[in-house]
Amino acid sequence: MKIKELREKSDVELERMLAEFRSKLQDQRFAVAGRRLKRVREMREIKKGIAQILTLQKERDSEKARPPSAEASEGRQHDSVTVQAAE
């Protein structure tokens, strides 16, 4: 699933998907241990999906926790400081 599609989902949907992916990953690990797995690449795709969902959740949590003053100063650039090298 693409990240754009994940961004459109609600927090509840992301939680449900995360649980589903984790369950699939566990099943895949048992399949590998039992030598029943045909598509090993599927594990990589599941892990990638889990990582994307966790990243989105962390981004949303940080946006909620951000103080209002931080949003206003986000567009400003900081003054640069010039340091002279000792000769």
PDB file of N, CA and C in Angstrom:
ATOM      1  N   MET A   1       0.842  -1.173   0.000  1.00  0.00           N
ATOM      2  CA  MET A   1       0.000   0.000   0.000  1.00  0.00           C
ATOM      3  C   MET A   1       0.893   1.245   0.000  1.00  0.00           C
ATOM      4  N   LYS A   2       0.504   2.232  -0.737  1.00  0.00           N
ATOM      5  CA  LYS A   2       1.298   3.448  -0.841  1.00  0.00           C
ATOM      6  C   LYS A   2       1.040   4.373   0.341  1.00  0.00           C
ATOM      7  N   ILE A   3       2.020   5.205   0.640  1.00  0.00           N
ATOM      8  CA  ILE A   3       1.946   6.095   1.798  1.00  0.00           C
ATOM      9  C   ILE A   3       0.817   7.112   1.635  1.00  0.00           C
ATOM     10  N   LYS A   4       0.544   7.527   0.408  1.00  0.00           N
ATOM     11  CA  LYS A   4      -0.549   8.476   0.174  1.00  0.00           C
ATOM     12  C   LYS A   4      -1.887   7.870   0.580  1.00  0.00           C
ATOM     13  N   GLU A   5      -2.063   6.602   0.268  1.00  0.00           N
ATOM     14  CA  GLU A   5      -3.298   5.920   0.642  1.00  0.00           C
ATOM     15  C   GLU A   5      -3.402   5.781   2.160  1.00  0.00           C
ATOM     16  N   LEU A   6      -2.272   5.538   2.811  1.00  0.00           N
ATOM     17  CA  LEU A   6      -2.282   5.389   4.264  1.00  0.00           C
ATOM     18  C   LEU A   6      -2.597   6.714   4.957  1.00  0.00           C
ATOM     19  N   ARG A   7      -2.117   7.807   4.398  1.00  0.00           N
ATOM     20  CA  ARG A   7      -2.360   9.122   5.009  1.00  0.00           C
ATOM     21  C   ARG A   7      -3.852   9.472   5.032  1.00  0.00           C
ATOM     22  N   GLU A   8      -4.615   8.921   4.112  1.00  0.00           N
ATOM     23  CA  GLU A   8      -6.049   9.203   4.035  1.00  0.00           C
ATOM     24  C   GLU A   8      -6.859   8.412   5.057  1.00  0.00           C
ATOM     25  N   LYS A   9      -6.262   7.405   5.664  1.00  0.00           N
ATOM     26  CA  LYS A   9      -6.972   6.550   6.605  1.00  0.00           C
ATOM     27  C   LYS A   9      -7.012   7.188   7.996  1.00  0.00           C
ATOM     28  N   SER A  10      -8.038   6.821   8.753  1.00  0.00           N
ATOM     29  CA  SER A  10      -8.177   7.336  10.115  1.00  0.00           C
ATOM     30  C   SER A  10      -7.251   6.569  11.057  1.00  0.00           C
ATOM     31  N   ASP A  11      -7.106   7.074  12.276  1.00  0.00           N
ATOM     32  CA  ASP A  11      -6.260   6.419  13.265  1.00  0.00           C
ATOM     33  C   ASP A  11      -6.759   5.018  13.591  1.00  0.00           C
ATOM     34  N   VAL A  12      -8.071   4.860  13.643  1.00  0.00           N
ATOM     35  CA  VAL A  12      -8.659   3.553  13.957  1.00  0.00           C
ATOM     36  C   VAL A  12      -8.352   2.551  12.844  1.00  0.00           C
ATOM     37  N   GLU A  13      -8.470   2.989  11.604  1.00  0.00           N
ATOM     38  CA  GLU A  13      -8.179   2.114  10.472  1.00  0.00           C
ATOM     39  C   GLU A  13      -6.700   1.715  10.463  1.00  0.00           C
ATOM     40  N   LEU A  14      -5.827   2.668  10.791  1.00  0.00           N
ATOM     41  CA  LEU A  14      -4.402   2.363  10.829  1.00  0.00           C
ATOM     42  C   LEU A  14      -4.087   1.341  11.921  1.00  0.00           C
ATOM     43  N   GLU A  15      -4.731   1.483  13.073  1.00  0.00           N
ATOM     44  CA  GLU A  15      -4.530   0.521  14.159  1.00  0.00           C
ATOM     45  C   GLU A  15      -4.968  -0.880  13.729  1.00  0.00           C
ATOM     46  N   ARG A  16      -6.103  -0.956  13.043  1.00  0.00           N
ATOM     47  CA  ARG A  16      -6.615  -2.234  12.566  1.00  0.00           C
ATOM     48  C   ARG A  16      -5.651  -2.852  11.555  1.00  0.00           C
ATOM     49  N   MET A  17      -5.174  -2.035  10.636  1.00  0.00           N
ATOM     50  CA  MET A  17      -4.235  -2.520   9.621  1.00  0.00           C
ATOM     51  C   MET A  17      -2.926  -2.980  10.252  1.00  0.00           C
ATOM     52  N   LEU A  18      -2.463  -2.234  11.259  1.00  0.00           N
ATOM     53  CA  LEU A  18      -1.227  -2.588  11.937  1.00  0.00           C
ATOM     54  C   LEU A  18      -1.353  -3.962  12.601  1.00  0.00           C
ATOM     55  N   ALA A  19      -2.463  -4.179  13.270  1.00  0.00           N
ATOM     56  CA  ALA A  19      -2.701  -5.478  13.909  1.00  0.00           C
ATOM     57  C   ALA A  19      -2.751  -6.588  12.862  1.00  0.00           C
ATOM     58  N   GLU A  20      -3.378  -6.301  11.741  1.00  0.00           N
ATOM     59  CA  GLU A  20      -3.481  -7.288  10.663  1.00  0.00           C
ATOM     60  C   GLU A  20      -2.103  -7.618  10.091  1.00  0.00           C
ATOM     61  N   PHE A  21      -1.287  -6.588   9.843  1.00  0.00           N
ATOM     62  CA  PHE A  21       0.056  -6.805   9.316  1.00  0.00           C
ATOM     63  C   PHE A  21       0.909  -7.602  10.295  1.00  0.00           C
ATOM     64  N   ARG A  22       0.804  -7.281  11.576  1.00  0.00           N
ATOM     65  CA  ARG A  22       1.594  -8.000  12.574  1.00  0.00           C
ATOM     66  C   ARG A  22       1.185  -9.468  12.642  1.00  0.00           C
ATOM     67  N   SER A  23      -0.099  -9.723  12.498  1.00  0.00           N
ATOM     68  CA  SER A  23      -0.586 -11.100  12.492  1.00  0.00           C
ATOM     69  C   SER A  23      -0.058 -11.847  11.266  1.00  0.00           C
ATOM     70  N   LYS A  24      -0.086 -11.185  10.112  1.00  0.00           N
ATOM     71  CA  LYS A  24       0.435 -11.799   8.884  1.00  0.00           C
ATOM     72  C   LYS A  24       1.932 -12.087   9.020  1.00  0.00           C
ATOM     73  N   LEU A  25       2.664 -11.145   9.631  1.00  0.00           N
ATOM     74  CA  LEU A  25       4.105 -11.323   9.798  1.00  0.00           C
ATOM     75  C   LEU A  25       4.390 -12.535  10.689  1.00  0.00           C
ATOM     76  N   GLN A  26       3.623 -12.692  11.738  1.00  0.00           N
ATOM     77  CA  GLN A  26       3.794 -13.842  12.615  1.00  0.00           C
ATOM     78  C   GLN A  26       3.524 -15.142  11.850  1.00  0.00           C
ATOM     79  N   ASP A  27       2.473 -15.157  11.058  1.00  0.00           N
ATOM     80  CA  ASP A  27       2.164 -16.335  10.243  1.00  0.00           C
ATOM     81  C   ASP A  27       3.307 -16.642   9.272  1.00  0.00           C
ATOM     82  N   GLN A  28       3.863 -15.574   8.685  1.00  0.00           N
ATOM     83  CA  GLN A  28       4.969 -15.750   7.742  1.00  0.00           C
ATOM     84  C   GLN A  28       6.201 -16.329   8.440  1.00  0.00           C
ATOM     85  N   ARG A  29       6.467 -15.867   9.651  1.00  0.00           N
ATOM     86  CA  ARG A  29       7.624 -16.380  10.395  1.00  0.00           C
ATOM     87  C   ARG A  29       7.457 -17.869  10.698  1.00  0.00           C
ATOM     88  N   PHE A  30       6.248 -18.277  11.066  1.00  0.00           N
ATOM     89  CA  PHE A  30       6.003 -19.696  11.307  1.00  0.00           C
ATOM     90  C   PHE A  30       6.146 -20.494  10.018  1.00  0.00           C
ATOM     91  N   ALA A  31       5.726 -19.924   8.912  1.00  0.00           N
ATOM     92  CA  ALA A  31       5.847 -20.601   7.620  1.00  0.00           C
ATOM     93  C   ALA A  31       7.312 -20.782   7.233  1.00  0.00           C
ATOM     94  N   VAL A  32       8.135 -19.779   7.533  1.00  0.00           N
ATOM     95  CA  VAL A  32       9.566 -19.882   7.243  1.00  0.00           C
ATOM     96  C   VAL A  32      10.178 -20.984   8.106  1.00  0.00           C
ATOM     97  N   ALA A  33       9.805 -21.001   9.382  1.00  0.00           N
ATOM     98  CA  ALA A  33      10.354 -22.015  10.289  1.00  0.00           C
ATOM     99  C   ALA A  33       9.938 -23.419   9.863  1.00  0.00           C
ATOM    100  N   GLY A  34       8.734 -23.546   9.330  1.00  0.00           N
ATOM    101  CA  GLY A  34       8.250 -24.851   8.877  1.00  0.00           C
ATOM    102  C   GLY A  34       8.576 -25.157   7.437  1.00  0.00           C
ATOM    103  N   ARG A  35       9.333 -24.266   6.809  1.00  0.00           N
ATOM    104  CA  ARG A  35       9.738 -24.415   5.399  1.00  0.00           C
ATOM    105  C   ARG A  35       8.540 -24.558   4.470  1.00  0.00           C
ATOM    106  N   ARG A  36       7.466 -23.818   4.768  1.00  0.00           N
ATOM    107  CA  ARG A  36       6.262 -23.856   3.932  1.00  0.00           C
ATOM    108  C   ARG A  36       6.090 -22.577   3.115  1.00  0.00           C
ATOM    109  N   LEU A  37       6.967 -21.605   3.298  1.00  0.00           N
ATOM    110  CA  LEU A  37       6.802 -20.306   2.658  1.00  0.00           C
ATOM    111  C   LEU A  37       7.286 -20.349   1.210  1.00  0.00           C
ATOM    112  N   LYS A  38       6.441 -19.881   0.306  1.00  0.00           N
ATOM    113  CA  LYS A  38       6.785 -19.849  -1.117  1.00  0.00           C
ATOM    114  C   LYS A  38       7.333 -18.479  -1.517  1.00  0.00           C
ATOM    115  N   ARG A  39       6.682 -17.417  -1.030  1.00  0.00           N
ATOM    116  CA  ARG A  39       7.099 -16.053  -1.391  1.00  0.00           C
ATOM    117  C   ARG A  39       7.772 -15.381  -0.199  1.00  0.00           C
ATOM    118  N   VAL A  40       9.079 -15.442  -0.150  1.00  0.00           N
ATOM    119  CA  VAL A  40       9.829 -14.844   0.951  1.00  0.00           C
ATOM    120  C   VAL A  40       9.737 -13.322   0.892  1.00  0.00           C
ATOM    121  N   ARG A  41       9.607 -12.778  -0.287  1.00  0.00           N
ATOM    122  CA  ARG A  41       9.538 -11.325  -0.461  1.00  0.00           C
ATOM    123  C   ARG A  41       8.313 -10.722   0.232  1.00  0.00           C
ATOM    124  N   GLU A  42       7.289 -11.515   0.419  1.00  0.00           N
ATOM    125  CA  GLU A  42       6.076 -11.029   1.071  1.00  0.00           C
ATOM    126  C   GLU A  42       6.366 -10.543   2.496  1.00  0.00           C
ATOM    127  N   MET A  43       7.318 -11.184   3.166  1.00  0.00           N
ATOM    128  CA  MET A  43       7.693 -10.738   4.517  1.00  0.00           C
ATOM    129  C   MET A  43       8.234  -9.313   4.475  1.00  0.00           C
ATOM    130  N   ARG A  44       9.032  -9.023   3.469  1.00  0.00           N
ATOM    131  CA  ARG A  44       9.607  -7.682   3.327  1.00  0.00           C
ATOM    132  C   ARG A  44       8.502  -6.646   3.121  1.00  0.00           C
ATOM    133  N   GLU A  45       7.518  -6.995   2.310  1.00  0.00           N
ATOM    134  CA  GLU A  45       6.403  -6.084   2.042  1.00  0.00           C
ATOM    135  C   GLU A  45       5.580  -5.839   3.300  1.00  0.00           C
ATOM    136  N   ILE A  46       5.386  -6.867   4.101  1.00  0.00           N
ATOM    137  CA  ILE A  46       4.626  -6.735   5.344  1.00  0.00           C
ATOM    138  C   ILE A  46       5.389  -5.833   6.320  1.00  0.00           C
ATOM    139  N   LYS A  47       6.694  -6.058   6.437  1.00  0.00           N
ATOM    140  CA  LYS A  47       7.512  -5.229   7.334  1.00  0.00           C
ATOM    141  C   LYS A  47       7.499  -3.761   6.894  1.00  0.00           C
ATOM    142  N   LYS A  48       7.530  -3.555   5.596  1.00  0.00           N
ATOM    143  CA  LYS A  48       7.489  -2.191   5.063  1.00  0.00           C
ATOM    144  C   LYS A  48       6.163  -1.523   5.406  1.00  0.00           C
ATOM    145  N   GLY A  49       5.073  -2.265   5.286  1.00  0.00           N
ATOM    146  CA  GLY A  49       3.758  -1.732   5.643  1.00  0.00           C
ATOM    147  C   GLY A  49       3.680  -1.366   7.118  1.00  0.00           C
ATOM    148  N   ILE A  50       4.228  -2.221   7.972  1.00  0.00           N
ATOM    149  CA  ILE A  50       4.247  -1.941   9.412  1.00  0.00           C
ATOM    150  C   ILE A  50       5.047  -0.671   9.683  1.00  0.00           C
ATOM    151  N   ALA A  51       6.200  -0.540   9.059  1.00  0.00           N
ATOM    152  CA  ALA A  51       7.043   0.634   9.257  1.00  0.00           C
ATOM    153  C   ALA A  51       6.336   1.912   8.796  1.00  0.00           C
ATOM    154  N   GLN A  52       5.640   1.847   7.677  1.00  0.00           N
ATOM    155  CA  GLN A  52       4.929   3.026   7.175  1.00  0.00           C
ATOM    156  C   GLN A  52       3.819   3.443   8.133  1.00  0.00           C
ATOM    157  N   ILE A  53       3.081   2.478   8.652  1.00  0.00           N
ATOM    158  CA  ILE A  53       1.990   2.800   9.575  1.00  0.00           C
ATOM    159  C   ILE A  53       2.548   3.397  10.866  1.00  0.00           C
ATOM    160  N   LEU A  54       3.619   2.797  11.395  1.00  0.00           N
ATOM    161  CA  LEU A  54       4.214   3.328  12.621  1.00  0.00           C
ATOM    162  C   LEU A  54       4.760   4.733  12.418  1.00  0.00           C
ATOM    163  N   THR A  55       5.329   4.985  11.260  1.00  0.00           N
ATOM    164  CA  THR A  55       5.838   6.329  10.943  1.00  0.00           C
ATOM    165  C   THR A  55       4.700   7.336  10.900  1.00  0.00           C
ATOM    166  N   LEU A  56       3.606   6.985  10.252  1.00  0.00           N
ATOM    167  CA  LEU A  56       2.450   7.884  10.189  1.00  0.00           C
ATOM    168  C   LEU A  56       1.887   8.159  11.581  1.00  0.00           C
ATOM    169  N   GLN A  57       1.788   7.116  12.399  1.00  0.00           N
ATOM    170  CA  GLN A  57       1.270   7.302  13.750  1.00  0.00           C
ATOM    171  C   GLN A  57       2.172   8.231  14.552  1.00  0.00           C
ATOM    172  N   LYS A  58       3.480   8.080  14.405  1.00  0.00           N
ATOM    173  CA  LYS A  58       4.417   8.944  15.123  1.00  0.00           C
ATOM    174  C   LYS A  58       4.303  10.388  14.640  1.00  0.00           C
ATOM    175  N   GLU A  59       4.163  10.585  13.324  1.00  0.00           N
ATOM    176  CA  GLU A  59       3.988  11.930  12.779  1.00  0.00           C
ATOM    177  C   GLU A  59       2.725  12.581  13.333  1.00  0.00           C
ATOM    178  N   ARG A  60       1.641  11.823  13.356  1.00  0.00           N
ATOM    179  CA  ARG A  60       0.373  12.367  13.862  1.00  0.00           C
ATOM    180  C   ARG A  60       0.462  12.686  15.346  1.00  0.00           C
ATOM    181  N   ASP A  61       1.135  11.840  16.111  1.00  0.00           N
ATOM    182  CA  ASP A  61       1.291  12.099  17.541  1.00  0.00           C
ATOM    183  C   ASP A  61       2.125  13.355  17.788  1.00  0.00           C
ATOM    184  N   SER A  62       3.178  13.540  16.995  1.00  0.00           N
ATOM    185  CA  SER A  62       4.023  14.721  17.178  1.00  0.00           C
ATOM    186  C   SER A  62       3.299  16.000  16.763  1.00  0.00           C
ATOM    187  N   GLU A  63       2.411  15.900  15.758  1.00  0.00           N
ATOM    188  CA  GLU A  63       1.625  17.070  15.354  1.00  0.00           C
ATOM    189  C   GLU A  63       0.637  17.466  16.444  1.00  0.00           C
ATOM    190  N   LYS A  64       0.065  16.465  17.115  1.00  0.00           N
ATOM    191  CA  LYS A  64      -0.890  16.742  18.188  1.00  0.00           C
ATOM    192  C   LYS A  64      -0.197  17.343  19.405  1.00  0.00           C
ATOM    193  N   ALA A  65       1.034  16.925  19.657  1.00  0.00           N
ATOM    194  CA  ALA A  65       1.764  17.377  20.837  1.00  0.00           C
ATOM    195  C   ALA A  65       2.489  18.706  20.607  1.00  0.00           C
ATOM    196  N   ARG A  66       2.553  19.162  19.371  1.00  0.00           N
ATOM    197  CA  ARG A  66       3.284  20.385  19.052  1.00  0.00           C
ATOM    198  C   ARG A  66       2.559  21.599  19.628  1.00  0.00           C
ATOM    199  N   PRO A  67       3.292  22.469  20.342  1.00  0.00           N
ATOM    200  CA  PRO A  67       2.661  23.683  20.882  1.00  0.00           C
ATOM    201  C   PRO A  67       2.301  24.651  19.759  1.00  0.00           C
ATOM    202  N   PRO A  68       1.270  25.467  19.950  1.00  0.00           N
ATOM    203  CA  PRO A  68       0.839  26.396  18.895  1.00  0.00           C
ATOM    204  C   PRO A  68       1.932  27.370  18.471  1.00  0.00           C
ATOM    205  N   SER A  69       2.816  27.777  19.374  1.00  0.00           N
ATOM    206  CA  SER A  69       3.867  28.733  19.026  1.00  0.00           C
ATOM    207  C   SER A  69       4.874  28.131  18.055  1.00  0.00           C
ATOM    208  N   ALA A  70       5.059  26.831  18.096  1.00  0.00           N
ATOM    209  CA  ALA A  70       6.004  26.176  17.191  1.00  0.00           C
ATOM    210  C   ALA A  70       5.505  26.229  15.756  1.00  0.00           C
ATOM    211  N   GLU A  71       4.191  26.171  15.559  1.00  0.00           N
ATOM    212  CA  GLU A  71       3.635  26.233  14.212  1.00  0.00           C
ATOM    213  C   GLU A  71       3.854  27.611  13.595  1.00  0.00           C
ATOM    214  N   ALA A  72       3.759  28.666  14.405  1.00  0.00           N
ATOM    215  CA  ALA A  72       3.911  30.016  13.894  1.00  0.00           C
ATOM    216  C   ALA A  72       5.363  30.299  13.502  1.00  0.00           C
ATOM    217  N   SER A  73       6.307  29.764  14.256  1.00  0.00           N
ATOM    218  CA  SER A  73       7.707  30.040  13.965  1.00  0.00           C
ATOM    219  C   SER A  73       8.289  29.091  12.928  1.00  0.00           C
ATOM    220  N   GLU A  74       7.512  28.142  12.473  1.00  0.00           N
ATOM    221  CA  GLU A  74       7.994  27.147  11.527  1.00  0.00           C
ATOM    222  C   GLU A  74       8.439  27.782  10.212  1.00  0.00           C
ATOM    223  N   GLY A  75       7.772  28.811   9.764  1.00  0.00           N
ATOM    224  CA  GLY A  75       8.090  29.435   8.492  1.00  0.00           C
ATOM    225  C   GLY A  75       9.270  30.387   8.546  1.00  0.00           C
ATOM    226  N   ARG A  76       9.673  30.815   9.735  1.00  0.00           N
ATOM    227  CA  ARG A  76      10.779  31.758   9.848  1.00  0.00           C
ATOM    228  C   ARG A  76      12.109  31.045   9.714  1.00  0.00           C
ATOM    229  N   GLN A  77      13.076  31.783   9.178  1.00  0.00           N
ATOM    230  CA  GLN A  77      14.413  31.235   9.069  1.00  0.00           C
ATOM    231  C   GLN A  77      15.248  31.765  10.224  1.00  0.00           C
ATOM    232  N   HIS A  78      16.152  30.949  10.683  1.00  0.00           N
ATOM    233  CA  HIS A  78      17.017  31.348  11.782  1.00  0.00           C
ATOM    234  C   HIS A  78      18.170  32.173  11.254  1.00  0.00           C
ATOM    235  N   ASP A  79      18.623  33.136  12.072  1.00  0.00           N
ATOM    236  CA  ASP A  79      19.784  33.944  11.701  1.00  0.00           C
ATOM    237  C   ASP A  79      21.024  33.060  11.728  1.00  0.00           C
ATOM    238  N   SER A  80      21.849  33.226  10.740  1.00  0.00           N
ATOM    239  CA  SER A  80      23.061  32.430  10.710  1.00  0.00           C
ATOM    240  C   SER A  80      24.171  33.172  11.479  1.00  0.00           C
ATOM    241  N   VAL A  81      25.016  32.407  12.088  1.00  0.00           N
ATOM    242  CA  VAL A  81      26.101  32.954  12.883  1.00  0.00           C
ATOM    243  C   VAL A  81      27.395  32.697  12.127  1.00  0.00           C
ATOM    244  N   THR A  82      28.196  33.750  11.983  1.00  0.00           N
ATOM    245  CA  THR A  82      29.447  33.623  11.274  1.00  0.00           C
ATOM    246  C   THR A  82      30.562  33.389  12.281  1.00  0.00           C
ATOM    247  N   VAL A  83      31.341  32.367  12.051  1.00  0.00           N
ATOM    248  CA  VAL A  83      32.458  32.035  12.930  1.00  0.00           C
ATOM    249  C   VAL A  83      33.726  32.247  12.158  1.00  0.00           C
ATOM    250  N   GLN A  84      34.645  33.028  12.757  1.00  0.00           N
ATOM    251  CA  GLN A  84      35.916  33.298  12.084  1.00  0.00           C
ATOM    252  C   GLN A  84      36.937  32.250  12.511  1.00  0.00           C
ATOM    253  N   ALA A  85      37.669  31.779  11.554  1.00  0.00           N
ATOM    254  CA  ALA A  85      38.692  30.762  11.845  1.00  0.00           C
ATOM    255  C   ALA A  85      39.898  31.442  12.446  1.00  0.00           C
ATOM    256  N   ALA A  86      40.484  30.789  13.452  1.00  0.00           N
ATOM    257  CA  ALA A  86      41.710  31.310  14.098  1.00  0.00           C
ATOM    258  C   ALA A  86      42.881  31.011  13.180  1.00  0.00           C
ATOM    259  N   GLU A  87      43.709  32.028  12.950  1.00  0.00           N
ATOM    260  CA  GLU A  87      44.849  31.849  12.046  1.00  0.00           C
ATOM    261  C   GLU A  87      46.128  31.715  12.810  1.00  0.00           C
TER     262      GLU A  87
END
